[in-house]
Amino acid sequence: MIKEKVDRKKIIRRIEKLSADKLDELLNFINKIDDKKSAKNKILSFAGAWESIDNSVFDDFTKHLISKREQK
Protein backbone atom coordinates (compact mmCIF):
# COMPACT_ATOMS: atom_id res chain seq x y z
CA MET A 1 0.00 0.00 0.00
CA ILE A 2 2.76 2.44 0.90
CA LYS A 3 4.79 1.50 -2.16
CA GLU A 4 1.74 2.10 -4.34
CA LYS A 5 1.31 5.62 -2.92
CA VAL A 6 5.00 6.37 -3.42
CA ASP A 7 4.86 5.09 -7.00
CA ARG A 8 1.76 7.18 -7.74
CA LYS A 9 3.45 10.31 -6.39
CA LYS A 10 6.55 9.62 -8.51
CA ILE A 11 4.39 9.20 -11.60
CA ILE A 12 2.48 12.41 -10.91
CA ARG A 13 5.71 14.37 -10.42
CA ARG A 14 7.08 13.04 -13.70
CA ILE A 15 3.83 13.85 -15.52
CA GLU A 16 3.92 17.41 -14.21
CA LYS A 17 7.40 17.82 -15.71
CA LEU A 18 6.34 16.61 -19.17
CA SER A 19 6.06 19.05 -22.03
CA ALA A 20 2.55 19.69 -23.37
CA ASP A 21 3.22 17.79 -26.60
CA LYS A 22 4.12 14.65 -24.64
CA LEU A 23 0.86 14.68 -22.68
CA ASP A 24 -1.14 13.45 -25.70
CA GLU A 25 1.34 10.63 -26.18
CA LEU A 26 1.05 9.66 -22.52
CA LEU A 27 -2.74 9.81 -22.62
CA ASN A 28 -2.79 7.53 -25.67
CA PHE A 29 -0.55 5.05 -23.85
CA ILE A 30 -2.80 5.07 -20.78
CA ASN A 31 -5.84 4.53 -22.99
CA LYS A 32 -4.18 1.51 -24.60
CA ILE A 33 -3.54 0.01 -21.17
CA ASP A 34 -7.19 0.54 -20.20
CA ASP A 35 -8.41 -0.88 -23.53
CA LYS A 36 -6.37 -4.06 -23.03
CA LYS A 37 -7.81 -4.45 -19.54
CA SER A 38 -11.35 -3.94 -20.84
CA ALA A 39 -10.80 -6.43 -23.67
CA LYS A 40 -9.51 -9.01 -21.21
CA ASN A 41 -12.54 -8.50 -18.98
CA LYS A 42 -14.90 -8.86 -21.96
CA ILE A 43 -13.25 -12.14 -22.94
CA LEU A 44 -13.33 -13.43 -19.38
CA SER A 45 -17.04 -12.65 -19.16
CA PHE A 46 -17.60 -15.68 -21.41
CA ALA A 47 -15.85 -18.02 -18.98
CA GLY A 48 -18.12 -20.89 -18.09
CA ALA A 49 -20.66 -19.99 -20.78
CA TRP A 50 -20.71 -23.58 -22.03
CA GLU A 51 -20.66 -25.14 -18.60
CA SER A 52 -24.23 -26.41 -18.82
CA ILE A 53 -24.16 -27.52 -22.48
CA ASP A 54 -25.16 -31.11 -23.10
CA ASN A 55 -22.14 -33.35 -23.85
CA SER A 56 -23.69 -34.78 -27.02
CA VAL A 57 -24.35 -31.28 -28.38
CA PHE A 58 -20.80 -30.22 -27.55
CA ASP A 59 -19.33 -33.36 -29.17
CA ASP A 60 -21.40 -32.82 -32.31
CA PHE A 61 -20.32 -29.20 -32.46
CA THR A 62 -16.62 -29.94 -32.12
CA LYS A 63 -16.64 -32.91 -34.52
CA HIS A 64 -18.33 -30.92 -37.27
CA LEU A 65 -16.79 -27.52 -36.59
CA ILE A 66 -14.47 -27.43 -39.61
CA SER A 67 -17.10 -28.59 -42.08
CA LYS A 68 -19.65 -26.10 -40.73
CA ARG A 69 -17.14 -23.27 -41.11
CA GLU A 70 -16.35 -24.31 -44.67
CA GLN A 71 -20.04 -24.12 -45.58
CA LYS A 72 -20.18 -20.37 -44.90
PDB file of N, CA and C in Angstrom:
ATOM      1  N   MET A   1       0.815  -1.190   0.000  1.00  0.00           N
ATOM      2  CA  MET A   1       0.000   0.000   0.000  1.00  0.00           C
ATOM      3  C   MET A   1       0.866   1.265   0.000  1.00  0.00           C
ATOM      4  N   ILE A   2       1.877   1.278   0.833  1.00  0.00           N
ATOM      5  CA  ILE A   2       2.762   2.440   0.904  1.00  0.00           C
ATOM      6  C   ILE A   2       3.548   2.585  -0.393  1.00  0.00           C
ATOM      7  N   LYS A   3       4.044   1.460  -0.906  1.00  0.00           N
ATOM      8  CA  LYS A   3       4.791   1.505  -2.163  1.00  0.00           C
ATOM      9  C   LYS A   3       3.922   2.035  -3.297  1.00  0.00           C
ATOM     10  N   GLU A   4       2.666   1.620  -3.304  1.00  0.00           N
ATOM     11  CA  GLU A   4       1.737   2.099  -4.340  1.00  0.00           C
ATOM     12  C   GLU A   4       1.586   3.618  -4.270  1.00  0.00           C
ATOM     13  N   LYS A   5       1.444   4.165  -3.083  1.00  0.00           N
ATOM     14  CA  LYS A   5       1.307   5.617  -2.917  1.00  0.00           C
ATOM     15  C   LYS A   5       2.570   6.338  -3.373  1.00  0.00           C
ATOM     16  N   VAL A   6       3.718   5.779  -3.020  1.00  0.00           N
ATOM     17  CA  VAL A   6       4.997   6.372  -3.422  1.00  0.00           C
ATOM     18  C   VAL A   6       5.126   6.349  -4.941  1.00  0.00           C
ATOM     19  N   ASP A   7       4.780   5.213  -5.545  1.00  0.00           N
ATOM     20  CA  ASP A   7       4.857   5.094  -7.004  1.00  0.00           C
ATOM     21  C   ASP A   7       3.919   6.088  -7.690  1.00  0.00           C
ATOM     22  N   ARG A   8       2.718   6.227  -7.166  1.00  0.00           N
ATOM     23  CA  ARG A   8       1.764   7.179  -7.743  1.00  0.00           C
ATOM     24  C   ARG A   8       2.298   8.607  -7.669  1.00  0.00           C
ATOM     25  N   LYS A   9       2.889   8.971  -6.538  1.00  0.00           N
ATOM     26  CA  LYS A   9       3.445  10.313  -6.387  1.00  0.00           C
ATOM     27  C   LYS A   9       4.601  10.545  -7.361  1.00  0.00           C
ATOM     28  N   LYS A  10       5.438   9.517  -7.544  1.00  0.00           N
ATOM     29  CA  LYS A  10       6.549   9.622  -8.506  1.00  0.00           C
ATOM     30  C   LYS A  10       6.008   9.838  -9.909  1.00  0.00           C
ATOM     31  N   ILE A  11       4.983   9.079 -10.262  1.00  0.00           N
ATOM     32  CA  ILE A  11       4.392   9.200 -11.602  1.00  0.00           C
ATOM     33  C   ILE A  11       3.804  10.589 -11.794  1.00  0.00           C
ATOM     34  N   ILE A  12       3.088  11.078 -10.812  1.00  0.00           N
ATOM     35  CA  ILE A  12       2.476  12.409 -10.911  1.00  0.00           C
ATOM     36  C   ILE A  12       3.542  13.490 -11.068  1.00  0.00           C
ATOM     37  N   ARG A  13       4.616  13.389 -10.300  1.00  0.00           N
ATOM     38  CA  ARG A  13       5.710  14.371 -10.421  1.00  0.00           C
ATOM     39  C   ARG A  13       6.309  14.347 -11.819  1.00  0.00           C
ATOM     40  N   ARG A  14       6.493  13.145 -12.358  1.00  0.00           N
ATOM     41  CA  ARG A  14       7.078  13.043 -13.697  1.00  0.00           C
ATOM     42  C   ARG A  14       6.119  13.577 -14.754  1.00  0.00           C
ATOM     43  N   ILE A  15       4.826  13.329 -14.576  1.00  0.00           N
ATOM     44  CA  ILE A  15       3.832  13.855 -15.522  1.00  0.00           C
ATOM     45  C   ILE A  15       3.839  15.377 -15.505  1.00  0.00           C
ATOM     46  N   GLU A  16       3.911  15.954 -14.331  1.00  0.00           N
ATOM     47  CA  GLU A  16       3.916  17.410 -14.210  1.00  0.00           C
ATOM     48  C   GLU A  16       5.111  18.042 -14.909  1.00  0.00           C
ATOM     49  N   LYS A  17       6.194  17.300 -15.056  1.00  0.00           N
ATOM     50  CA  LYS A  17       7.395  17.823 -15.709  1.00  0.00           C
ATOM     51  C   LYS A  17       7.360  17.651 -17.232  1.00  0.00           C
ATOM     52  N   LEU A  18       6.411  16.860 -17.737  1.00  0.00           N
ATOM     53  CA  LEU A  18       6.345  16.608 -19.173  1.00  0.00           C
ATOM     54  C   LEU A  18       5.958  17.868 -19.944  1.00  0.00           C
ATOM     55  N   SER A  19       6.475  17.955 -21.161  1.00  0.00           N
ATOM     56  CA  SER A  19       6.061  19.049 -22.026  1.00  0.00           C
ATOM     57  C   SER A  19       4.645  18.765 -22.537  1.00  0.00           C
ATOM     58  N   ALA A  20       3.953  19.809 -22.944  1.00  0.00           N
ATOM     59  CA  ALA A  20       2.547  19.691 -23.371  1.00  0.00           C
ATOM     60  C   ALA A  20       2.379  18.710 -24.530  1.00  0.00           C
ATOM     61  N   ASP A  21       3.357  18.690 -25.449  1.00  0.00           N
ATOM     62  CA  ASP A  21       3.223  17.794 -26.603  1.00  0.00           C
ATOM     63  C   ASP A  21       3.347  16.320 -26.213  1.00  0.00           C
ATOM     64  N   LYS A  22       3.982  16.031 -25.096  1.00  0.00           N
ATOM     65  CA  LYS A  22       4.122  14.647 -24.643  1.00  0.00           C
ATOM     66  C   LYS A  22       2.883  14.152 -23.883  1.00  0.00           C
ATOM     67  N   LEU A  23       2.043  15.082 -23.427  1.00  0.00           N
ATOM     68  CA  LEU A  23       0.858  14.684 -22.684  1.00  0.00           C
ATOM     69  C   LEU A  23      -0.107  13.857 -23.531  1.00  0.00           C
ATOM     70  N   ASP A  24      -0.273  14.229 -24.797  1.00  0.00           N
ATOM     71  CA  ASP A  24      -1.135  13.448 -25.700  1.00  0.00           C
ATOM     72  C   ASP A  24      -0.596  12.035 -25.874  1.00  0.00           C
ATOM     73  N   GLU A  25       0.709  11.940 -26.028  1.00  0.00           N
ATOM     74  CA  GLU A  25       1.339  10.633 -26.181  1.00  0.00           C
ATOM     75  C   GLU A  25       1.120   9.776 -24.927  1.00  0.00           C
ATOM     76  N   LEU A  26       1.266  10.373 -23.772  1.00  0.00           N
ATOM     77  CA  LEU A  26       1.049   9.661 -22.516  1.00  0.00           C
ATOM     78  C   LEU A  26      -0.409   9.239 -22.369  1.00  0.00           C
ATOM     79  N   LEU A  27      -1.324  10.127 -22.705  1.00  0.00           N
ATOM     80  CA  LEU A  27      -2.744   9.810 -22.616  1.00  0.00           C
ATOM     81  C   LEU A  27      -3.106   8.653 -23.545  1.00  0.00           C
ATOM     82  N   ASN A  28      -2.552   8.640 -24.740  1.00  0.00           N
ATOM     83  CA  ASN A  28      -2.786   7.530 -25.670  1.00  0.00           C
ATOM     84  C   ASN A  28      -2.267   6.214 -25.088  1.00  0.00           C
ATOM     85  N   PHE A  29      -1.113   6.258 -24.473  1.00  0.00           N
ATOM     86  CA  PHE A  29      -0.547   5.053 -23.850  1.00  0.00           C
ATOM     87  C   PHE A  29      -1.453   4.548 -22.724  1.00  0.00           C
ATOM     88  N   ILE A  30      -1.911   5.457 -21.882  1.00  0.00           N
ATOM     89  CA  ILE A  30      -2.799   5.069 -20.781  1.00  0.00           C
ATOM     90  C   ILE A  30      -4.095   4.471 -21.321  1.00  0.00           C
ATOM     91  N   ASN A  31      -4.619   5.065 -22.377  1.00  0.00           N
ATOM     92  CA  ASN A  31      -5.844   4.530 -22.989  1.00  0.00           C
ATOM     93  C   ASN A  31      -5.636   3.117 -23.525  1.00  0.00           C
ATOM     94  N   LYS A  32      -4.475   2.861 -24.103  1.00  0.00           N
ATOM     95  CA  LYS A  32      -4.178   1.514 -24.599  1.00  0.00           C
ATOM     96  C   LYS A  32      -4.157   0.507 -23.452  1.00  0.00           C
ATOM     97  N   ILE A  33      -3.579   0.903 -22.343  1.00  0.00           N
ATOM     98  CA  ILE A  33      -3.544   0.012 -21.173  1.00  0.00           C
ATOM     99  C   ILE A  33      -4.966  -0.297 -20.714  1.00  0.00           C
ATOM    100  N   ASP A  34      -5.801   0.733 -20.625  1.00  0.00           N
ATOM    101  CA  ASP A  34      -7.189   0.536 -20.203  1.00  0.00           C
ATOM    102  C   ASP A  34      -7.957  -0.320 -21.200  1.00  0.00           C
ATOM    103  N   ASP A  35      -7.717  -0.109 -22.498  1.00  0.00           N
ATOM    104  CA  ASP A  35      -8.409  -0.880 -23.526  1.00  0.00           C
ATOM    105  C   ASP A  35      -8.059  -2.359 -23.427  1.00  0.00           C
ATOM    106  N   LYS A  36      -6.787  -2.661 -23.165  1.00  0.00           N
ATOM    107  CA  LYS A  36      -6.371  -4.059 -23.025  1.00  0.00           C
ATOM    108  C   LYS A  36      -7.051  -4.695 -21.823  1.00  0.00           C
ATOM    109  N   LYS A  37      -7.155  -3.940 -20.749  1.00  0.00           N
ATOM    110  CA  LYS A  37      -7.807  -4.449 -19.541  1.00  0.00           C
ATOM    111  C   LYS A  37      -9.290  -4.705 -19.820  1.00  0.00           C
ATOM    112  N   SER A  38      -9.934  -3.779 -20.514  1.00  0.00           N
ATOM    113  CA  SER A  38     -11.348  -3.936 -20.845  1.00  0.00           C
ATOM    114  C   SER A  38     -11.561  -5.133 -21.759  1.00  0.00           C
ATOM    115  N   ALA A  39     -10.679  -5.297 -22.741  1.00  0.00           N
ATOM    116  CA  ALA A  39     -10.803  -6.427 -23.665  1.00  0.00           C
ATOM    117  C   ALA A  39     -10.653  -7.744 -22.909  1.00  0.00           C
ATOM    118  N   LYS A  40      -9.718  -7.794 -21.993  1.00  0.00           N
ATOM    119  CA  LYS A  40      -9.514  -9.010 -21.205  1.00  0.00           C
ATOM    120  C   LYS A  40     -10.760  -9.326 -20.384  1.00  0.00           C
ATOM    121  N   ASN A  41     -11.336  -8.302 -19.777  1.00  0.00           N
ATOM    122  CA  ASN A  41     -12.539  -8.504 -18.977  1.00  0.00           C
ATOM    123  C   ASN A  41     -13.714  -8.963 -19.832  1.00  0.00           C
ATOM    124  N   LYS A  42     -13.822  -8.435 -21.063  1.00  0.00           N
ATOM    125  CA  LYS A  42     -14.902  -8.864 -21.957  1.00  0.00           C
ATOM    126  C   LYS A  42     -14.738 -10.337 -22.313  1.00  0.00           C
ATOM    127  N   ILE A  43     -13.522 -10.741 -22.601  1.00  0.00           N
ATOM    128  CA  ILE A  43     -13.251 -12.139 -22.936  1.00  0.00           C
ATOM    129  C   ILE A  43     -13.555 -13.033 -21.747  1.00  0.00           C
ATOM    130  N   LEU A  44     -13.106 -12.618 -20.569  1.00  0.00           N
ATOM    131  CA  LEU A  44     -13.326 -13.425 -19.376  1.00  0.00           C
ATOM    132  C   LEU A  44     -14.799 -13.515 -18.994  1.00  0.00           C
ATOM    133  N   SER A  45     -15.610 -12.590 -19.477  1.00  0.00           N
ATOM    134  CA  SER A  45     -17.035 -12.648 -19.155  1.00  0.00           C
ATOM    135  C   SER A  45     -17.703 -13.871 -19.776  1.00  0.00           C
ATOM    136  N   PHE A  46     -17.063 -14.481 -20.775  1.00  0.00           N
ATOM    137  CA  PHE A  46     -17.599 -15.682 -21.406  1.00  0.00           C
ATOM    138  C   PHE A  46     -17.179 -16.963 -20.678  1.00  0.00           C
ATOM    139  N   ALA A  47     -16.324 -16.838 -19.702  1.00  0.00           N
ATOM    140  CA  ALA A  47     -15.848 -18.017 -18.976  1.00  0.00           C
ATOM    141  C   ALA A  47     -17.027 -18.767 -18.370  1.00  0.00           C
ATOM    142  N   GLY A  48     -17.065 -20.050 -18.630  1.00  0.00           N
ATOM    143  CA  GLY A  48     -18.123 -20.893 -18.086  1.00  0.00           C
ATOM    144  C   GLY A  48     -19.421 -20.840 -18.867  1.00  0.00           C
ATOM    145  N   ALA A  49     -19.432 -20.135 -20.006  1.00  0.00           N
ATOM    146  CA  ALA A  49     -20.661 -19.988 -20.781  1.00  0.00           C
ATOM    147  C   ALA A  49     -21.189 -21.336 -21.280  1.00  0.00           C
ATOM    148  N   TRP A  50     -20.293 -22.280 -21.512  1.00  0.00           N
ATOM    149  CA  TRP A  50     -20.710 -23.578 -22.032  1.00  0.00           C
ATOM    150  C   TRP A  50     -20.750 -24.636 -20.937  1.00  0.00           C
ATOM    151  N   GLU A  51     -20.719 -24.212 -19.723  1.00  0.00           N
ATOM    152  CA  GLU A  51     -20.661 -25.137 -18.604  1.00  0.00           C
ATOM    153  C   GLU A  51     -21.857 -26.079 -18.562  1.00  0.00           C
ATOM    154  N   SER A  52     -23.030 -25.586 -18.925  1.00  0.00           N
ATOM    155  CA  SER A  52     -24.234 -26.411 -18.825  1.00  0.00           C
ATOM    156  C   SER A  52     -24.645 -27.045 -20.155  1.00  0.00           C
ATOM    157  N   ILE A  53     -23.811 -26.948 -21.178  1.00  0.00           N
ATOM    158  CA  ILE A  53     -24.158 -27.517 -22.481  1.00  0.00           C
ATOM    159  C   ILE A  53     -24.128 -29.054 -22.408  1.00  0.00           C
ATOM    160  N   ASP A  54     -25.074 -29.656 -23.060  1.00  0.00           N
ATOM    161  CA  ASP A  54     -25.155 -31.113 -23.097  1.00  0.00           C
ATOM    162  C   ASP A  54     -23.926 -31.685 -23.803  1.00  0.00           C
ATOM    163  N   ASN A  55     -23.366 -32.758 -23.277  1.00  0.00           N
ATOM    164  CA  ASN A  55     -22.142 -33.350 -23.850  1.00  0.00           C
ATOM    165  C   ASN A  55     -22.331 -33.781 -25.297  1.00  0.00           C
ATOM    166  N   SER A  56     -23.477 -34.333 -25.636  1.00  0.00           N
ATOM    167  CA  SER A  56     -23.693 -34.779 -27.020  1.00  0.00           C
ATOM    168  C   SER A  56     -23.729 -33.583 -27.972  1.00  0.00           C
ATOM    169  N   VAL A  57     -24.318 -32.488 -27.546  1.00  0.00           N
ATOM    170  CA  VAL A  57     -24.348 -31.280 -28.376  1.00  0.00           C
ATOM    171  C   VAL A  57     -22.931 -30.742 -28.547  1.00  0.00           C
ATOM    172  N   PHE A  58     -22.175 -30.710 -27.479  1.00  0.00           N
ATOM    173  CA  PHE A  58     -20.799 -30.221 -27.553  1.00  0.00           C
ATOM    174  C   PHE A  58     -19.943 -31.112 -28.452  1.00  0.00           C
ATOM    175  N   ASP A  59     -20.079 -32.438 -28.321  1.00  0.00           N
ATOM    176  CA  ASP A  59     -19.325 -33.365 -29.167  1.00  0.00           C
ATOM    177  C   ASP A  59     -19.678 -33.179 -30.629  1.00  0.00           C
ATOM    178  N   ASP A  60     -20.961 -33.034 -30.926  1.00  0.00           N
ATOM    179  CA  ASP A  60     -21.405 -32.821 -32.308  1.00  0.00           C
ATOM    180  C   ASP A  60     -20.820 -31.518 -32.850  1.00  0.00           C
ATOM    181  N   PHE A  61     -20.855 -30.493 -32.041  1.00  0.00           N
ATOM    182  CA  PHE A  61     -20.320 -29.198 -32.458  1.00  0.00           C
ATOM    183  C   PHE A  61     -18.837 -29.281 -32.780  1.00  0.00           C
ATOM    184  N   THR A  62     -18.063 -29.891 -31.903  1.00  0.00           N
ATOM    185  CA  THR A  62     -16.617 -29.941 -32.121  1.00  0.00           C
ATOM    186  C   THR A  62     -16.228 -30.885 -33.249  1.00  0.00           C
ATOM    187  N   LYS A  63     -16.966 -31.969 -33.436  1.00  0.00           N
ATOM    188  CA  LYS A  63     -16.644 -32.906 -34.519  1.00  0.00           C
ATOM    189  C   LYS A  63     -16.920 -32.306 -35.889  1.00  0.00           C
ATOM    190  N   HIS A  64     -17.924 -31.471 -35.980  1.00  0.00           N
ATOM    191  CA  HIS A  64     -18.326 -30.916 -37.271  1.00  0.00           C
ATOM    192  C   HIS A  64     -17.957 -29.442 -37.439  1.00  0.00           C
ATOM    193  N   LEU A  65     -17.135 -28.940 -36.573  1.00  0.00           N
ATOM    194  CA  LEU A  65     -16.787 -27.522 -36.588  1.00  0.00           C
ATOM    195  C   LEU A  65     -16.160 -27.090 -37.912  1.00  0.00           C
ATOM    196  N   ILE A  66     -15.173 -27.814 -38.384  1.00  0.00           N
ATOM    197  CA  ILE A  66     -14.468 -27.432 -39.611  1.00  0.00           C
ATOM    198  C   ILE A  66     -15.407 -27.453 -40.802  1.00  0.00           C
ATOM    199  N   SER A  67     -16.185 -28.513 -40.939  1.00  0.00           N
ATOM    200  CA  SER A  67     -17.103 -28.591 -42.077  1.00  0.00           C
ATOM    201  C   SER A  67     -18.164 -27.502 -42.025  1.00  0.00           C
ATOM    202  N   LYS A  68     -18.646 -27.169 -40.848  1.00  0.00           N
ATOM    203  CA  LYS A  68     -19.648 -26.101 -40.727  1.00  0.00           C
ATOM    204  C   LYS A  68     -19.040 -24.755 -41.100  1.00  0.00           C
ATOM    205  N   ARG A  69     -17.796 -24.533 -40.743  1.00  0.00           N
ATOM    206  CA  ARG A  69     -17.138 -23.265 -41.109  1.00  0.00           C
ATOM    207  C   ARG A  69     -16.905 -23.189 -42.614  1.00  0.00           C
ATOM    208  N   GLU A  70     -16.601 -24.295 -43.235  1.00  0.00           N
ATOM    209  CA  GLU A  70     -16.346 -24.310 -44.667  1.00  0.00           C
ATOM    210  C   GLU A  70     -17.614 -24.042 -45.468  1.00  0.00           C
ATOM    211  N   GLN A  71     -18.769 -24.334 -44.905  1.00  0.00           N
ATOM    212  CA  GLN A  71     -20.036 -24.120 -45.582  1.00  0.00           C
ATOM    213  C   GLN A  71     -20.387 -22.639 -45.717  1.00  0.00           C
ATOM    214  N   LYS A  72     -19.845 -21.812 -44.884  1.00  0.00           N
ATOM    215  CA  LYS A  72     -20.183 -20.371 -44.897  1.00  0.00           C
ATOM    216  C   LYS A  72     -19.378 -19.603 -45.874  1.00  0.00           C
TER     217      LYS A  72
END
